[in-house]
Amino acid sequence: MAPWSGLWGGRAGGDAYRGTPVVVKMENPNWSISEISPDDDDEDFLVGAGATAGGRRKGGRGKNAKQITWVLLLKAHRAAGCLASLASAAVALGAAARRRVADGRTDADAGAAGAEAGESPVLRSRFYAFIRAFLVLSMLLLAVELAAHFNGWNLAASALALPIIGVESLYGSWLRFRAAYLAPLLQFLTDACVVLFLIQSADRLIQCLGCFYINLKRIKPKFKSAALSDAEDPDAGYYPMVLVQIPMCNEKEVYQQSIAAVCNLDWPRSNLLVQVLDDSDDPTTQSLIREEVVKWQQNGARILYRHRVLRDGYKAGNLKSAMACSYVKDYEFVAIFDADFQPNPDFLKRSVPHFKDNDELGLVQARWSFVNKDENLLTRLQNINLCFHFEVEQQVNGIFLNFFGFNGTAGVWRIKALEDSGGWMERTTVEDMDIAVRAHLHGWKFIFLNDVECQCELPESYEAYRKQQHRWHSGPMQLFRLCLPDIIKSKISVWKKANLIFLFFLLRKLILPFYSFTLFCIILPMTMFVPEAELPDWVVCYIPALMSLLNILPSPKSFPFIIPYLLFENTMSVTKFNAMISGLFQLGSAYEWVVTKKSGRSSEGDLIALAVVPPKELRHQKTGSAPNLDLIMPSSPTKDGKGKKKKKHNRIYKKELALSLLLLTAAARSLLTKQGIHFYFLLFQGISFLLVGLDLIGEQVE
C-alpha cells in the first residue's frame, strides 16, 4: 500500500493535496483493500487543519466529500478487521479454556507427568492450602467491604468510636482492629520487601551500566597468543587434545543433529575424541543412538558410545563416570554439549586458543542462541530472559570478576581445573554451578565469549518450562547450604567471598524470588483489604516497568512483549519461590532430576548439511550417516518403554489459578478506594495468572 503524507494524504510543500482513489473489496470476514495511483485530473482532499473557510488551498481545485467518505470507510474497515481478529482470538482462547476445564487434568494428577519436578507432594499441598486460605479470606473481606459500601458503613474514624449496635458495630470493631494490629505488621513487611526490591533493582541497574561500558569501549576477551588456523597440520598451530562429551537421556528427538554437529567440528581428527554418554533407559532409544555412533565411526570420526547400567547421580554421575576412563589422561581440555546443542564447526577454534599461555584459565563459556525463540509466546518471553542473562549477567561478571556460573553446556573446561576442584559431584541438581563455585574457590578464572553462539532449544510447553525452572531455583539453595562453610574457609579475597555469598547466592538466587512472590502476589492484594498499609505507586508500576525495559534491551526486537514479560515474570515467581523454599530447607525429593522435553526443531536442511557422507549414500534414505528424519520430526509421537504412545496434555495448575482469583478479588476491592494504578496492575496480573493456570501459554495440544 502506498504511503500517505500529511493528515489526509496531502503532498509536502506548496503543491495541492492530491486525492487517492481507492477500491474497497468486502469479503467477509476479511477485507482486502487495494489502492490505485492518483491521476493528474483527480480532485484534492480536504485538509482540516490547513483548509480555508472556502475549502480551497492555493493551486487546488476544492474539496471532494466523496473522497473523504472513502478514506473514512477505509479506516473503518481496517478497524473492523482488527476487531474481528481480536474477537476471533478471544473466542479461540475461551474455547481452549473451556476444553481445559472440561478435561479436568491438573498438576496434582498422579504420576511423574503431573507432579512438579523436585517437589514434595506434602509441600505442594501445604503451599496450595496456604494460597487457598488467602483466597477464601480475601473473598470474605470483599463481601464485607461491599456490604459496608452499599449500606453506608464507611464512617469516619471519629464516628467509629461511638457505640453502635448490630452489624455496623461489628464492622466498626473490625476497622479498629485492622488499623491497630494488622496494618502495622503488613506495613512492616511491605517496607522490608520494598527495601529488598530496591537493592535488587540497584544491582540490576549496575550490571546494565557495566554492559553499556563494555559495549561502549568494545571490550572483549582476546587471545594472549596468536594461533595459526591450519587444521590440516596439527604441528603448525595450537591444536591440543580435546575431549568432547554429549550427555543425553531418552532424547530421541535431538540426538542426530547434536552428534552430527560435534563430528563436524573443524579440528584435527587425531586430536579430537567424542564421547556419547547415553543414560537412556529406553532400549529403542539406546539402539538408535548406538547405530548413529557406528555410522559416524564408519565415516572416520573418532567417536565412542558409552551407556551406564546404574544411572546414579543423573548428569553429574554420567560425566563423572566418563572422566574416569583411562584414556582421558591423554587429553587436556573437555568440551560439553547437551543433546539439543549444535555447535558451529569453528566453535573449538574460537574458544580453545584462549587457554594458550593462560595457565590460570579454567573455563571458556559460549552463549546460547535458540532455534525456536519465535515458536510461541512462552519461547519469546524465555528468549528475553536468557538474552539478558548472557548479554548482561554473564558478560559483566566475566569481564570484571572472571567468575560466573557455568551454564552446564556449550563450554570448554581445562581438565586440570576439574580435577583440582574435586571433579563432578552428584550432591545437587545444579552440578554445573557446583563445579564453577568450587573452581572459583581454588583460584581458577573464567572467560565468557558473547560473540560465540551455540544453537539449542527452548522448552515450548509450560509444563516443561515449569519443571526446568523448579530445578534451576531449588538447586542453588541446596548448593548454598553445602558451599557456605567452604566459601568462608577459602583463601580467596574478602570481597570475592562477599560477592559469592551476598550477590551470587543471597541476592540473585534467594531474595529475588522471595520478594517477587511476597510483594506482588501476597502483600499487594492484602493492602487492598487493609488500606491503612500503603504500597507506593512507584513500587507497583514505575520501577518494575524500568527493570523490564532494562531486561528487554539485549533483545530489542522483543520490545512489543514488554508488558507480557513483566506480568509473566511475576507469575513465575510462584514456581521459583516454591523451588527456593524446597531447596533451602531440603523439603521433599529436591534431588530429583527431570530431563527437559525437546522437540527437535532443527530443520531438515540443517541436518543434511551436517551429515558428511559420500554422494552415493545421500541418494538412499537412512544409509551411511544421513539423518533419519522420520525419527526426529516433532510430529512423531514419542513412545514409552513398553512401545505405547505417550499422550501429551495441557493441564490446570491449581496454585496459579487460585492466585488469579485472589488478585482479581483484590482488584475488585481496589475499586472501592479508587486506586487506579493498583487496580489495573491487579487486574492484568490476575488475568496473567489465569492464562497460565489454565495452561493457555506455550504449546497447545489439540
Foldseek 3Di string as FASTA:
>chain_A
DDDADDDQRADPDQEAGFAWDWDWDDDPPATDTDTDDGDPPGAHAQDVVPADPQQDGVNGDGHDVVRVVVVVVVVVNVVSNVVVVVVVVVVVLVVLLVVQVVVAFFLPDDDPLSDFFQFAPVLVVVVLVVLLVLLVVLVVLLVVVVVCVVVVLPDDLVVLVDDDDDPSVVVSVVLVCLLPPVQVVLLVVQVVLVVLVVVLLVVLVVLLVLLVVCVVVVDADDFPDDFDDPQVDCVRTPAFAEEEEEEDEPFLQQQLQAVLLVQLASHRQVRYAYEYQYAYPFPVSVVVNVVLQVLVVVVPHRYDYHYDPDCPLPPLVSVQVVCPDPCVVRGFKYAYAYRFKRFHNCLCVVFVSNCPPPVQAFKEAEAEDEPCCPVFPVSVLVVLQRLCCQSGVVQSCCVPPLADQHPRHRMMGGVVLCVVLPHFDSQFLRSRRLSRVSSVLVRHGYHYGHPGYIYGHDFQFPSLVLSVLLRVQLRLLLSCVVCVVVLVPGPDDPVVSCCVNVPVRPSPRPSVLVSLCCVQQPSLLVCLSSVSNDDDLCVLPVSLLVSLVSSNVSPVVSVVCSVVSSLVVSLSSVSNNSSNVCNNVVPGSNSGDDDRHDQNPDDLVSQQVSFDDDPVQVVDPPPRSRDNVVRNHSVDFDADSVRDGDDDAFHAYSSLLSSLSSLQSSLVSNVVVPPVSSNVSSNVSSVSSNCVRSRVGGDHDD
